[in-house]
Each structure stands twice: as C-alpha cells, then as structure tokens.
Amino acid sequence: MKARSRRTPGRLTELAGLQRGPRIRVTVDGREQDAYVGESVAAVMMADDDLELRSTIGGAARGVFCGMGACFDCLAIVDDVPNTRTCVTWAKDGMVIQRQCGAGEP
C-alpha cells in the first residue's frame, strides 16, 4: 500500500472539477478566516485541520459524527446562538462562530 502524504494545513483550493462558491469572511474563535458560500459551518471550522468542534463539560472532544444533524456532536455558538448544529448550517459572510463547551446556554 502506498503511504499517504500529509497535506499542508489549509483548505483545498484547486481540485480537478471543483468549483467553489464566492469567498466570504467569517470569524472562528476570534480569528477571521476565509470560507466559501456553500460550505457548512463544520467544514469552515475544520478547514485548518482542527477536527474538535466542541468539548463536553468533562473535556472530551467532539466533532462531526453523523454529518446530517441527527447526533448533536457538532454543536457550536453561531452568531450568539448556542447549540447550533454546524454540519447543517451554511456559512454566511460576517458570521461569528465559537467553539462550545458543554451543552451551552439555552
């Protein structure tokens, strides 16, 4: 089996046949970063190779598990709304995203 090479950090910008939506800017944990129309918030959060989207109160890491909004592992605070399922929420220009610890405030 051929060894897999580790890609450099950052999102794939060129791939045969891939067409991205327009570039937008979002803020993740206080840091501005590029995103693209049509990406989920989960994809934006994981773009820099950080797969931990939130943590439990006990500190256990959580990320995308089902990818269709059924499991609630990918919760984050999006535009001041806690418990937002990031895998089914589309990124928007100017969106503010924060990783969440625990259940979040209702």
N, C-alpha and C. Protein backbone atom coordinates (compact mmCIF):
# COMPACT_ATOMS: atom_id res chain seq x y z
N MET A 1 0.83 -1.17 0.00
CA MET A 1 0.00 0.00 0.00
C MET A 1 0.89 1.25 0.00
N LYS A 2 0.53 2.21 -0.79
CA LYS A 2 1.29 3.46 -0.90
C LYS A 2 1.03 4.34 0.33
N ALA A 3 2.09 4.90 0.89
CA ALA A 3 1.94 5.79 2.05
C ALA A 3 1.22 7.06 1.64
N ARG A 4 0.33 7.50 2.51
CA ARG A 4 -0.40 8.75 2.26
C ARG A 4 0.44 9.93 2.70
N SER A 5 0.50 10.93 1.87
CA SER A 5 1.25 12.12 2.25
C SER A 5 0.32 13.07 3.00
N ARG A 6 0.85 13.71 3.99
CA ARG A 6 0.06 14.68 4.77
C ARG A 6 0.02 15.97 3.99
N ARG A 7 -1.17 16.48 3.77
CA ARG A 7 -1.30 17.74 3.05
C ARG A 7 -0.93 18.90 3.97
N THR A 8 -0.56 19.99 3.38
CA THR A 8 -0.23 21.16 4.17
C THR A 8 -1.51 21.75 4.74
N PRO A 9 -1.46 22.41 5.91
CA PRO A 9 -2.66 22.98 6.51
C PRO A 9 -3.34 23.97 5.57
N GLY A 10 -4.63 24.08 5.72
CA GLY A 10 -5.43 24.97 4.90
C GLY A 10 -6.35 24.17 4.01
N ARG A 11 -7.31 24.82 3.41
CA ARG A 11 -8.28 24.09 2.62
C ARG A 11 -7.80 23.88 1.20
N LEU A 12 -8.34 22.88 0.57
CA LEU A 12 -8.03 22.62 -0.83
C LEU A 12 -8.65 23.72 -1.67
N THR A 13 -7.85 24.36 -2.47
CA THR A 13 -8.38 25.44 -3.30
C THR A 13 -8.48 25.05 -4.76
N GLU A 14 -7.73 24.05 -5.15
CA GLU A 14 -7.80 23.61 -6.55
C GLU A 14 -7.86 22.09 -6.58
N LEU A 15 -8.84 21.59 -7.24
CA LEU A 15 -9.01 20.16 -7.42
C LEU A 15 -9.75 19.98 -8.73
N ALA A 16 -9.37 18.98 -9.48
CA ALA A 16 -9.97 18.77 -10.81
C ALA A 16 -11.49 18.79 -10.71
N GLY A 17 -12.11 19.70 -11.41
CA GLY A 17 -13.56 19.78 -11.48
C GLY A 17 -14.25 20.48 -10.32
N LEU A 18 -13.51 20.89 -9.31
CA LEU A 18 -14.11 21.53 -8.15
C LEU A 18 -14.32 23.01 -8.42
N GLN A 19 -15.53 23.47 -8.22
CA GLN A 19 -15.82 24.89 -8.34
C GLN A 19 -16.38 25.37 -7.01
N ARG A 20 -15.76 26.34 -6.43
CA ARG A 20 -16.19 26.88 -5.14
C ARG A 20 -17.15 28.04 -5.35
N GLY A 21 -17.95 28.28 -4.34
CA GLY A 21 -18.78 29.47 -4.33
C GLY A 21 -17.90 30.68 -4.06
N PRO A 22 -18.51 31.86 -4.03
CA PRO A 22 -17.74 33.07 -3.75
C PRO A 22 -17.08 33.01 -2.37
N ARG A 23 -15.91 33.63 -2.26
CA ARG A 23 -15.19 33.70 -0.98
C ARG A 23 -15.91 34.66 -0.05
N ILE A 24 -16.01 34.27 1.21
CA ILE A 24 -16.59 35.12 2.24
C ILE A 24 -15.64 35.12 3.44
N ARG A 25 -15.89 35.98 4.42
CA ARG A 25 -15.07 36.03 5.63
C ARG A 25 -15.96 35.73 6.83
N VAL A 26 -15.47 34.88 7.71
CA VAL A 26 -16.15 34.56 8.96
C VAL A 26 -15.14 34.68 10.09
N THR A 27 -15.62 34.70 11.31
CA THR A 27 -14.74 34.73 12.47
C THR A 27 -14.96 33.45 13.26
N VAL A 28 -13.89 32.71 13.49
CA VAL A 28 -13.94 31.47 14.27
C VAL A 28 -13.07 31.65 15.50
N ASP A 29 -13.68 31.59 16.67
CA ASP A 29 -12.96 31.76 17.93
C ASP A 29 -12.10 33.02 17.93
N GLY A 30 -12.67 34.12 17.43
CA GLY A 30 -12.00 35.41 17.45
C GLY A 30 -11.01 35.65 16.33
N ARG A 31 -10.85 34.69 15.43
CA ARG A 31 -9.87 34.82 14.33
C ARG A 31 -10.61 34.81 13.00
N GLU A 32 -10.39 35.84 12.18
CA GLU A 32 -11.02 35.88 10.86
C GLU A 32 -10.40 34.85 9.94
N GLN A 33 -11.24 34.23 9.11
CA GLN A 33 -10.72 33.29 8.13
C GLN A 33 -11.63 33.25 6.91
N ASP A 34 -11.07 32.77 5.82
CA ASP A 34 -11.82 32.63 4.59
C ASP A 34 -12.77 31.44 4.69
N ALA A 35 -13.89 31.56 4.02
CA ALA A 35 -14.84 30.47 3.85
C ALA A 35 -15.42 30.66 2.46
N TYR A 36 -16.27 29.75 2.04
CA TYR A 36 -16.86 29.84 0.71
C TYR A 36 -18.36 29.57 0.82
N VAL A 37 -19.14 30.32 0.06
CA VAL A 37 -20.58 30.09 0.01
C VAL A 37 -20.81 28.64 -0.38
N GLY A 38 -21.69 27.97 0.34
CA GLY A 38 -21.97 26.56 0.07
C GLY A 38 -21.27 25.61 1.03
N GLU A 39 -20.37 26.13 1.88
CA GLU A 39 -19.72 25.30 2.89
C GLU A 39 -20.55 25.31 4.17
N SER A 40 -20.53 24.19 4.87
CA SER A 40 -21.16 24.14 6.18
C SER A 40 -20.24 24.82 7.19
N VAL A 41 -20.83 25.25 8.30
CA VAL A 41 -20.02 25.84 9.37
C VAL A 41 -19.02 24.81 9.87
N ALA A 42 -19.40 23.54 9.94
CA ALA A 42 -18.46 22.49 10.37
C ALA A 42 -17.25 22.43 9.44
N ALA A 43 -17.47 22.50 8.15
CA ALA A 43 -16.36 22.48 7.19
C ALA A 43 -15.44 23.68 7.39
N VAL A 44 -16.01 24.83 7.65
CA VAL A 44 -15.22 26.04 7.88
C VAL A 44 -14.37 25.86 9.14
N MET A 45 -14.97 25.31 10.20
CA MET A 45 -14.25 25.13 11.45
C MET A 45 -13.12 24.11 11.31
N MET A 46 -13.29 23.13 10.47
CA MET A 46 -12.28 22.08 10.31
C MET A 46 -11.25 22.41 9.24
N ALA A 47 -11.39 23.52 8.55
CA ALA A 47 -10.52 23.85 7.42
C ALA A 47 -9.06 23.95 7.79
N ASP A 48 -8.76 24.31 9.01
CA ASP A 48 -7.36 24.43 9.44
C ASP A 48 -6.89 23.19 10.19
N ASP A 49 -7.43 22.03 9.85
CA ASP A 49 -7.05 20.74 10.43
C ASP A 49 -7.35 20.61 11.91
N ASP A 50 -8.33 21.34 12.42
CA ASP A 50 -8.76 21.20 13.81
C ASP A 50 -10.11 20.50 13.79
N LEU A 51 -10.13 19.22 14.10
CA LEU A 51 -11.35 18.43 13.99
C LEU A 51 -12.24 18.53 15.23
N GLU A 52 -11.73 19.13 16.30
CA GLU A 52 -12.53 19.29 17.51
C GLU A 52 -13.44 20.52 17.35
N LEU A 53 -14.74 20.27 17.28
CA LEU A 53 -15.69 21.37 17.11
C LEU A 53 -16.21 21.88 18.44
N ARG A 54 -16.27 21.01 19.43
CA ARG A 54 -16.69 21.41 20.77
C ARG A 54 -16.12 20.41 21.75
N SER A 55 -16.34 20.66 23.05
CA SER A 55 -15.93 19.70 24.07
C SER A 55 -17.06 19.57 25.09
N THR A 56 -17.08 18.44 25.75
CA THR A 56 -18.05 18.24 26.81
C THR A 56 -17.58 18.98 28.06
N ILE A 57 -18.42 19.07 29.05
CA ILE A 57 -18.02 19.72 30.30
C ILE A 57 -16.81 19.01 30.89
N GLY A 58 -16.74 17.69 30.70
CA GLY A 58 -15.61 16.92 31.21
C GLY A 58 -14.35 17.03 30.36
N GLY A 59 -14.42 17.76 29.23
CA GLY A 59 -13.24 17.98 28.40
C GLY A 59 -13.08 17.03 27.22
N ALA A 60 -14.04 16.12 27.02
CA ALA A 60 -13.94 15.18 25.90
C ALA A 60 -14.23 15.90 24.59
N ALA A 61 -13.39 15.65 23.60
CA ALA A 61 -13.54 16.31 22.29
C ALA A 61 -14.72 15.72 21.52
N ARG A 62 -15.40 16.58 20.77
CA ARG A 62 -16.49 16.17 19.89
C ARG A 62 -16.28 16.84 18.54
N GLY A 63 -16.75 16.18 17.48
CA GLY A 63 -16.62 16.72 16.13
C GLY A 63 -17.80 16.27 15.29
N VAL A 64 -17.62 16.22 13.99
CA VAL A 64 -18.68 15.77 13.10
C VAL A 64 -18.77 14.24 13.22
N PHE A 65 -19.93 13.75 13.57
CA PHE A 65 -20.14 12.32 13.69
C PHE A 65 -21.08 11.83 12.59
N CYS A 66 -22.29 12.37 12.54
CA CYS A 66 -23.25 11.88 11.54
C CYS A 66 -23.24 12.73 10.27
N GLY A 67 -22.95 14.01 10.41
CA GLY A 67 -22.90 14.90 9.25
C GLY A 67 -24.26 15.26 8.67
N MET A 68 -25.35 14.93 9.40
CA MET A 68 -26.68 15.25 8.88
C MET A 68 -27.61 15.83 9.94
N GLY A 69 -27.04 16.30 11.06
CA GLY A 69 -27.82 17.00 12.06
C GLY A 69 -28.60 16.13 13.02
N ALA A 70 -28.31 14.84 13.09
CA ALA A 70 -29.06 13.95 13.97
C ALA A 70 -28.39 13.70 15.32
N CYS A 71 -27.06 13.83 15.40
CA CYS A 71 -26.36 13.38 16.61
C CYS A 71 -26.03 14.50 17.60
N PHE A 72 -25.97 15.72 17.20
CA PHE A 72 -25.67 16.87 18.06
C PHE A 72 -24.24 16.91 18.59
N ASP A 73 -23.30 16.20 17.95
CA ASP A 73 -21.91 16.26 18.37
C ASP A 73 -21.20 17.52 17.87
N CYS A 74 -21.71 18.16 16.84
CA CYS A 74 -21.01 19.29 16.22
C CYS A 74 -21.55 20.65 16.66
N LEU A 75 -22.13 20.73 17.83
CA LEU A 75 -22.73 21.98 18.30
C LEU A 75 -21.69 23.07 18.49
N ALA A 76 -22.09 24.30 18.17
CA ALA A 76 -21.24 25.48 18.38
C ALA A 76 -22.15 26.68 18.61
N ILE A 77 -21.55 27.77 19.00
CA ILE A 77 -22.27 29.04 19.15
C ILE A 77 -22.08 29.80 17.84
N VAL A 78 -23.15 30.02 17.12
CA VAL A 78 -23.10 30.69 15.82
C VAL A 78 -23.95 31.96 15.89
N ASP A 79 -23.31 33.10 15.68
CA ASP A 79 -24.00 34.39 15.78
C ASP A 79 -24.79 34.50 17.08
N ASP A 80 -24.13 34.16 18.18
CA ASP A 80 -24.67 34.23 19.55
C ASP A 80 -25.79 33.23 19.84
N VAL A 81 -25.98 32.23 18.98
CA VAL A 81 -26.99 31.20 19.21
C VAL A 81 -26.27 29.90 19.58
N PRO A 82 -26.35 29.49 20.87
CA PRO A 82 -25.69 28.25 21.28
C PRO A 82 -26.42 27.03 20.71
N ASN A 83 -25.75 25.90 20.74
CA ASN A 83 -26.33 24.62 20.33
C ASN A 83 -26.73 24.58 18.86
N THR A 84 -26.01 25.33 18.02
CA THR A 84 -26.27 25.32 16.58
C THR A 84 -25.57 24.10 15.98
N ARG A 85 -26.30 23.30 15.23
CA ARG A 85 -25.71 22.13 14.57
C ARG A 85 -24.93 22.61 13.35
N THR A 86 -23.61 22.56 13.45
CA THR A 86 -22.75 23.16 12.43
C THR A 86 -22.72 22.37 11.12
N CYS A 87 -23.06 21.10 11.17
CA CYS A 87 -22.99 20.30 9.94
C CYS A 87 -24.14 20.60 8.99
N VAL A 88 -25.20 21.23 9.50
CA VAL A 88 -26.36 21.54 8.64
C VAL A 88 -26.64 23.05 8.60
N THR A 89 -25.65 23.85 9.01
CA THR A 89 -25.77 25.31 8.98
C THR A 89 -24.78 25.84 7.96
N TRP A 90 -25.25 26.61 6.99
CA TRP A 90 -24.39 27.12 5.92
C TRP A 90 -23.67 28.38 6.38
N ALA A 91 -22.41 28.50 6.00
CA ALA A 91 -21.60 29.67 6.33
C ALA A 91 -22.14 30.89 5.58
N LYS A 92 -22.14 32.03 6.27
CA LYS A 92 -22.56 33.30 5.68
C LYS A 92 -21.51 34.35 5.97
N ASP A 93 -21.39 35.31 5.08
CA ASP A 93 -20.40 36.37 5.24
C ASP A 93 -20.65 37.11 6.56
N GLY A 94 -19.58 37.31 7.32
CA GLY A 94 -19.66 38.05 8.58
C GLY A 94 -20.09 37.21 9.77
N MET A 95 -20.33 35.93 9.58
CA MET A 95 -20.79 35.05 10.64
C MET A 95 -19.72 34.95 11.73
N VAL A 96 -20.17 34.89 13.00
CA VAL A 96 -19.26 34.74 14.14
C VAL A 96 -19.52 33.36 14.75
N ILE A 97 -18.47 32.55 14.81
CA ILE A 97 -18.57 31.17 15.25
C ILE A 97 -17.64 30.97 16.45
N GLN A 98 -18.15 30.30 17.49
CA GLN A 98 -17.32 29.99 18.66
C GLN A 98 -17.49 28.53 19.02
N ARG A 99 -16.38 27.87 19.36
CA ARG A 99 -16.46 26.51 19.85
C ARG A 99 -17.19 26.53 21.19
N GLN A 100 -17.93 25.47 21.45
CA GLN A 100 -18.79 25.41 22.63
C GLN A 100 -18.28 24.35 23.59
N CYS A 101 -18.34 24.64 24.87
CA CYS A 101 -18.01 23.67 25.91
C CYS A 101 -19.29 23.30 26.64
N GLY A 102 -19.61 22.03 26.68
CA GLY A 102 -20.83 21.59 27.34
C GLY A 102 -22.06 21.84 26.51
N ALA A 103 -23.20 21.88 27.18
CA ALA A 103 -24.48 21.99 26.50
C ALA A 103 -24.78 23.40 26.01
N GLY A 104 -24.09 24.39 26.49
CA GLY A 104 -24.36 25.77 26.07
C GLY A 104 -25.60 26.30 26.76
N GLU A 105 -25.75 27.57 26.75
CA GLU A 105 -26.91 28.21 27.36
C GLU A 105 -28.09 28.15 26.42
N PRO A 106 -29.30 27.86 26.92
CA PRO A 106 -30.48 27.79 26.02
C PRO A 106 -30.87 29.16 25.51
